[in-house]
């Protein structure tokens, strides 16, 4: 039985959120599955130790329609790539007619897919309902990133109990989803004054200016940056941390899936979709907002209470 999962969302956060459903499909068929995902899902890094994944096929589609799988020629190129693999069944986490037709023409006999042309909704709810209906069993929304024990244990001795180890997620997919870098610097200083800590700055190559500001601050000697690490290299470090504090970004979802306690700051993204699927995530919202009103275009970065973030961070570190 050869099974394909198509997950066309962008970003590593979404990739992590879909993992429980991909794993449930693999368990149901008692086989590793192939996944068709975009390059920026970072699946090749995230799933490097996951033996439930047979193959990661890169879906090359872009917002400006210049990817190798865009357009008519890309349509037939993807059909050719899937057809040669001779899949028996496909699960399509999308309501797109394009992926249905590609699967059909590629000769995949059993096609399971979201209802065609459905409107956007809560991605967790949609994925859970779809998977449970297809598999006939309850599926937890809690993701789990597989990590080779040797990679985790090799670092463990470097994480002395003399300090708390905190992953700080300063990165974000847009500036409206970022808490001020000055707030993060101040937060790290105040946490360290109360509880001796080391901070692991979860950021990418596009965050060099923000990282530089932290590394030029008073707390710099307590900080280590991820900016030049691969995701697969950062994951064992995160797994050894006591807490994640940061924006709603891919690093939050990675930390949650590595079973790390998380404090997420939601200021311009839907907390009901991205903040409530995991038992490891607690969140803080802008002052005056609720779970229902904190969504896209809330623009609440300046209304996140520093005192609440500090208090909650300390509570999570000592409890």
Protein backbone atom coordinates (compact mmCIF):
# COMPACT_ATOMS: atom_id res chain seq x y z
CA UNK A 1 0.00 0.00 0.00
CA UNK A 2 1.54 3.31 -1.10
CA UNK A 3 -0.02 6.36 0.49
CA UNK A 4 0.46 10.04 -0.38
CA UNK A 5 -0.50 13.05 1.73
CA UNK A 6 -0.80 16.44 0.03
CA UNK A 7 -0.35 19.36 2.42
CA UNK A 8 0.04 22.58 0.36
CA UNK A 9 0.16 25.16 3.18
CA UNK A 10 3.25 27.33 3.54
CA UNK A 11 5.41 27.62 6.64
CA UNK A 12 6.88 25.24 9.20
CA UNK A 13 4.21 26.07 11.79
CA UNK A 14 1.49 24.67 9.55
CA UNK A 15 3.67 21.64 8.78
CA UNK A 16 3.91 20.87 12.49
CA UNK A 17 0.16 21.37 13.04
CA UNK A 18 -0.66 18.77 10.35
CA UNK A 19 1.68 16.12 11.83
CA UNK A 20 -0.91 14.36 14.07
CA UNK A 21 -3.06 13.67 11.03
CA UNK A 22 -0.19 12.49 8.86
CA UNK A 23 0.95 10.18 11.66
CA UNK A 24 -2.61 8.90 12.16
CA UNK A 25 -2.81 8.00 8.46
CA UNK A 26 0.53 6.17 8.65
CA UNK A 27 -0.65 4.27 11.74
CA UNK A 28 -3.97 3.33 10.14
CA UNK A 29 -2.29 1.78 7.09
CA UNK A 30 0.69 0.46 9.09
CA UNK A 31 3.12 1.95 6.60
CA UNK A 32 5.28 5.01 6.20
CA UNK A 33 3.68 7.63 3.94
CA UNK A 34 4.96 10.07 1.34
CA UNK A 35 4.11 13.75 1.64
CA UNK A 36 3.84 16.46 -1.01
CA UNK A 37 4.72 19.77 0.64
CA UNK A 38 6.25 23.12 -0.20
CA UNK A 39 9.95 23.80 0.36
CA UNK A 40 9.25 26.50 2.95
CA UNK A 41 7.36 23.99 5.09
CA UNK A 42 10.89 22.95 6.11
CA UNK A 43 9.67 19.35 6.20
CA UNK A 44 13.07 17.93 5.22
CA UNK A 45 14.58 19.44 8.36
CA UNK A 46 11.61 18.92 10.69
CA UNK A 47 11.06 15.28 9.75
CA UNK A 48 14.67 14.16 9.42
CA UNK A 49 14.24 11.56 12.20
CA UNK A 50 10.63 10.57 11.43
CA UNK A 51 10.41 6.95 10.30
CA UNK A 52 6.71 7.33 9.48
CA UNK A 53 7.65 9.47 6.48
CA UNK A 54 8.73 7.49 3.42
CA UNK A 55 9.52 10.37 1.06
CA UNK A 56 9.20 14.15 1.03
CA UNK A 57 8.24 15.41 -2.43
CA UNK A 58 8.71 19.13 -2.97
CA UNK A 59 5.67 21.02 -4.26
CA UNK A 60 7.12 23.92 -6.25
CA UNK A 61 4.32 26.47 -6.38
CA UNK A 62 4.70 30.19 -5.66
CA UNK A 63 2.51 33.23 -5.05
CA UNK A 64 3.63 34.69 -8.41
CA UNK A 65 2.97 31.47 -10.34
CA UNK A 66 6.55 30.89 -11.50
CA UNK A 67 7.17 27.56 -9.78
CA UNK A 68 7.84 24.39 -11.73
CA UNK A 69 4.43 23.02 -10.67
CA UNK A 70 2.48 26.18 -11.56
CA UNK A 71 0.42 26.66 -14.70
CA UNK A 72 -0.56 24.07 -17.30
CA UNK A 73 2.97 22.74 -17.79
CA UNK A 74 3.43 22.43 -14.02
CA UNK A 75 0.10 20.61 -13.77
CA UNK A 76 1.29 17.88 -16.12
CA UNK A 77 4.80 17.80 -14.65
CA UNK A 78 3.40 17.03 -11.20
CA UNK A 79 1.10 14.37 -12.65
CA UNK A 80 4.13 12.70 -14.23
CA UNK A 81 6.08 12.79 -10.96
CA UNK A 82 3.23 11.24 -8.98
CA UNK A 83 2.29 8.69 -11.61
CA UNK A 84 5.74 7.08 -11.63
CA UNK A 85 5.47 6.47 -7.88
CA UNK A 86 2.26 4.44 -8.30
CA UNK A 87 0.37 5.60 -5.22
CA UNK A 88 -2.71 3.62 -4.16
CA UNK A 89 -4.35 6.32 -2.07
CA UNK A 90 -4.01 10.06 -1.49
CA UNK A 91 -5.24 12.30 1.32
CA UNK A 92 -5.55 15.92 0.18
CA UNK A 93 -5.61 18.53 2.96
CA UNK A 94 -7.01 21.12 0.58
CA UNK A 95 -10.29 21.84 -1.18
CA UNK A 96 -8.53 22.65 -4.46
CA UNK A 97 -9.91 21.07 -7.63
CA UNK A 98 -6.38 21.17 -9.07
CA UNK A 99 -5.03 18.57 -6.64
CA UNK A 100 -8.05 16.33 -7.19
CA UNK A 101 -7.54 16.38 -10.95
CA UNK A 102 -3.78 15.83 -10.62
CA UNK A 103 -4.37 12.80 -8.38
CA UNK A 104 -7.06 11.45 -10.70
CA UNK A 105 -4.98 11.76 -13.88
CA UNK A 106 -1.95 10.34 -12.03
CA UNK A 107 -3.92 7.13 -11.62
CA UNK A 108 -4.42 7.20 -7.85
CA UNK A 109 -7.46 4.98 -7.32
CA UNK A 110 -8.58 6.17 -3.86
CA UNK A 111 -8.79 9.94 -3.37
CA UNK A 112 -9.78 11.44 -0.03
CA UNK A 113 -10.07 15.22 0.06
CA UNK A 114 -11.63 18.20 1.81
CA UNK A 115 -14.98 19.22 0.24
CA UNK A 116 -14.22 21.13 -2.97
CA UNK A 117 -14.28 24.94 -2.90
CA UNK A 118 -14.85 25.20 0.84
CA UNK A 119 -14.17 28.55 2.48
CA UNK A 120 -11.20 29.04 4.79
CA UNK A 121 -11.79 28.11 8.42
CA UNK A 122 -9.92 26.84 11.48
CA UNK A 123 -7.15 24.67 10.00
CA UNK A 124 -6.97 22.42 13.05
CA UNK A 125 -10.71 21.76 13.13
CA UNK A 126 -10.81 21.08 9.38
CA UNK A 127 -7.88 18.66 9.50
CA UNK A 128 -9.21 16.84 12.57
CA UNK A 129 -12.74 16.36 11.20
CA UNK A 130 -11.46 15.28 7.79
CA UNK A 131 -8.98 12.74 9.17
CA UNK A 132 -11.38 11.28 11.73
CA UNK A 133 -14.09 10.88 9.11
CA UNK A 134 -11.70 9.14 6.73
CA UNK A 135 -10.05 6.88 9.30
CA UNK A 136 -13.05 6.22 11.52
CA UNK A 137 -11.17 6.98 14.74
CA UNK A 138 -10.44 9.88 17.08
CA UNK A 139 -7.21 11.79 16.36
CA UNK A 140 -5.45 13.98 18.92
CA UNK A 141 -4.53 17.49 17.81
CA UNK A 142 -1.22 17.31 19.75
CA UNK A 143 1.73 17.10 17.32
CA UNK A 144 4.92 15.20 18.04
CA UNK A 145 8.21 15.85 16.29
CA UNK A 146 10.39 12.76 16.25
CA UNK A 147 13.94 13.31 17.47
CA UNK A 148 16.73 10.76 17.42
CA UNK A 149 17.51 10.14 21.09
CA UNK A 150 21.23 10.30 20.44
CA UNK A 151 20.99 13.87 19.12
CA UNK A 152 19.03 14.88 22.21
CA UNK A 153 21.23 13.05 24.73
CA UNK A 154 24.48 14.34 23.20
CA UNK A 155 23.52 17.87 24.23
CA UNK A 156 21.93 17.08 27.56
CA UNK A 157 25.10 17.41 29.62
CA UNK A 158 25.59 20.98 28.38
CA UNK A 159 22.27 22.04 29.92
CA UNK A 160 23.32 22.49 33.54
CA UNK A 161 20.62 22.70 36.20
CA UNK A 162 22.32 25.86 37.49
CA UNK A 163 20.28 27.74 34.91
CA UNK A 164 16.83 27.67 33.38
CA UNK A 165 17.06 27.29 29.62
CA UNK A 166 14.64 29.41 27.62
CA UNK A 167 13.97 29.46 23.88
CA UNK A 168 12.99 33.00 22.85
CA UNK A 169 11.03 33.21 19.60
CA UNK A 170 11.66 36.69 18.21
CA UNK A 171 10.97 35.66 14.61
CA UNK A 172 7.62 36.12 12.85
CA UNK A 173 6.06 35.91 9.40
CA UNK A 174 5.28 39.65 9.45
CA UNK A 175 6.12 42.73 11.49
CA UNK A 176 2.59 42.98 12.94
CA UNK A 177 3.12 39.58 14.60
CA UNK A 178 6.29 40.68 16.42
CA UNK A 179 6.52 41.93 19.97
CA UNK A 180 9.14 44.68 20.27
CA UNK A 181 12.72 43.41 20.43
CA UNK A 182 13.31 45.90 23.26
CA UNK A 183 10.57 44.15 25.22
CA UNK A 184 12.29 40.79 24.71
CA UNK A 185 15.64 42.17 25.86
CA UNK A 186 14.03 43.71 28.95
CA UNK A 187 12.12 40.47 29.61
CA UNK A 188 15.28 38.36 29.47
CA UNK A 189 17.09 40.73 31.83
CA UNK A 190 14.27 40.68 34.38
CA UNK A 191 13.85 36.89 34.20
CA UNK A 192 17.58 36.41 34.68
CA UNK A 193 17.54 38.74 37.70
CA UNK A 194 14.92 36.53 39.35
CA UNK A 195 16.00 33.13 38.02
CA UNK A 196 19.48 32.61 36.53
CA UNK A 197 18.82 31.66 32.92
CA UNK A 198 20.29 31.09 29.50
CA UNK A 199 18.45 32.22 26.40
CA UNK A 200 18.38 30.57 22.98
CA UNK A 201 17.33 33.09 20.34
CA UNK A 202 15.05 31.41 17.81
CA UNK A 203 15.48 33.46 14.67
CA UNK A 204 16.42 33.08 11.02
CA UNK A 205 18.67 34.77 8.52
CA UNK A 206 16.08 37.53 8.00
CA UNK A 207 16.29 38.48 11.67
CA UNK A 208 19.98 39.44 11.77
CA UNK A 209 19.32 43.01 12.90
CA UNK A 210 17.12 41.87 15.76
CA UNK A 211 19.63 39.22 16.83
CA UNK A 212 22.44 41.80 16.69
CA UNK A 213 20.49 44.07 19.00
CA UNK A 214 20.15 41.28 21.57
CA UNK A 215 23.81 40.31 21.26
CA UNK A 216 24.81 43.94 21.86
CA UNK A 217 22.63 44.24 24.97
CA UNK A 218 23.42 43.70 28.65
CA UNK A 219 22.04 40.16 28.47
CA UNK A 220 24.23 39.13 25.52
CA UNK A 221 26.53 36.85 27.53
CA UNK A 222 23.54 34.69 28.42
CA UNK A 223 22.32 34.37 24.81
CA UNK A 224 22.96 31.91 21.97
CA UNK A 225 21.48 32.53 18.51
CA UNK A 226 19.94 29.99 16.12
CA UNK A 227 20.30 32.29 13.10
CA UNK A 228 23.03 30.20 11.44
CA UNK A 229 21.71 26.78 12.48
CA UNK A 230 19.58 24.41 10.44
CA UNK A 231 16.18 23.63 11.94
CA UNK A 232 17.36 20.05 12.50
CA UNK A 233 20.36 21.39 14.48
CA UNK A 234 18.21 23.68 16.61
CA UNK A 235 15.61 21.03 17.50
CA UNK A 236 17.75 19.08 20.03
CA UNK A 237 18.59 22.38 21.74
CA UNK A 238 14.92 23.34 22.00
CA UNK A 239 14.05 19.87 23.33
CA UNK A 240 16.43 20.50 26.23
CA UNK A 241 14.84 23.86 27.11
CA UNK A 242 12.53 24.48 30.06
CA UNK A 243 10.33 27.01 28.28
CA UNK A 244 9.55 28.75 24.99
CA UNK A 245 8.54 32.41 25.13
CA UNK A 246 7.77 34.24 21.94
CA UNK A 247 5.63 35.26 19.02
CA UNK A 248 3.19 33.03 17.18
CA UNK A 249 5.78 31.70 14.77
CA UNK A 250 7.07 28.37 13.50
CA UNK A 251 9.43 28.12 16.48
CA UNK A 252 6.42 28.12 18.82
CA UNK A 253 4.89 25.12 17.09
CA UNK A 254 8.22 23.28 16.92
CA UNK A 255 8.72 23.81 20.66
CA UNK A 256 5.22 22.59 21.41
CA UNK A 257 5.75 19.47 19.29
CA UNK A 258 9.01 18.77 21.16
CA UNK A 259 7.02 18.71 24.42
CA UNK A 260 8.36 22.03 25.73
CA UNK A 261 6.12 24.35 27.76
CA UNK A 262 5.27 27.40 25.66
CA UNK A 263 4.11 30.95 26.36
CA UNK A 264 2.88 32.41 23.07
CA UNK A 265 2.12 36.07 22.41
CA UNK A 266 -0.80 36.40 20.01
CA UNK A 267 -1.19 39.90 18.64
CA UNK A 268 -2.20 39.58 15.00
CA UNK A 269 -3.12 35.96 14.29
CA UNK A 270 -6.04 33.68 15.22
CA UNK A 271 -5.43 32.23 18.65
CA UNK A 272 -8.33 29.81 18.31
CA UNK A 273 -6.55 28.13 15.39
CA UNK A 274 -2.91 28.39 16.40
CA UNK A 275 -2.96 28.62 20.18
CA UNK A 276 -5.40 26.02 21.45
CA UNK A 277 -4.56 22.78 19.64
CA UNK A 278 -1.68 21.84 21.98
CA UNK A 279 -1.69 21.18 25.71
CA UNK A 280 1.82 22.64 25.81
CA UNK A 281 0.77 26.15 24.72
CA UNK A 282 -0.39 28.92 27.02
CA UNK A 283 -0.97 32.35 25.54
CA UNK A 284 -1.26 36.04 26.26
CA UNK A 285 -3.55 38.30 24.23
CA UNK A 286 -3.57 42.07 23.71
CA UNK A 287 -5.31 44.03 26.46
CA UNK A 288 -9.00 44.42 25.66
CA UNK A 289 -9.08 41.48 23.23
CA UNK A 290 -10.58 38.01 23.61
CA UNK A 291 -9.93 34.64 21.99
CA UNK A 292 -12.69 35.44 19.50
CA UNK A 293 -11.35 38.87 18.56
CA UNK A 294 -7.64 38.06 18.41
CA UNK A 295 -7.19 37.17 14.78
CA UNK A 296 -5.70 38.55 11.58
CA UNK A 297 -5.67 42.38 11.56
CA UNK A 298 -6.01 42.70 15.33
CA UNK A 299 -2.73 44.69 15.27
CA UNK A 300 -2.29 44.33 19.01
CA UNK A 301 1.50 44.20 19.46
CA UNK A 302 1.60 47.39 21.52
CA UNK A 303 -1.19 46.12 23.77
CA UNK A 304 0.59 43.01 25.04
CA UNK A 305 1.16 43.63 28.76
CA UNK A 306 4.85 43.34 29.66
CA UNK A 307 4.02 42.69 33.31
CA UNK A 308 1.69 39.81 32.37
CA UNK A 309 4.33 38.23 30.15
CA UNK A 310 6.96 38.51 32.89
CA UNK A 311 4.70 37.12 35.61
CA UNK A 312 3.50 34.22 33.47
CA UNK A 313 7.05 33.41 32.38
CA UNK A 314 8.23 33.19 35.99
CA UNK A 315 5.20 31.08 36.95
CA UNK A 316 5.89 28.60 34.16
CA UNK A 317 9.59 28.37 35.07
CA UNK A 318 9.02 27.60 38.73
CA UNK A 319 5.97 25.32 38.40
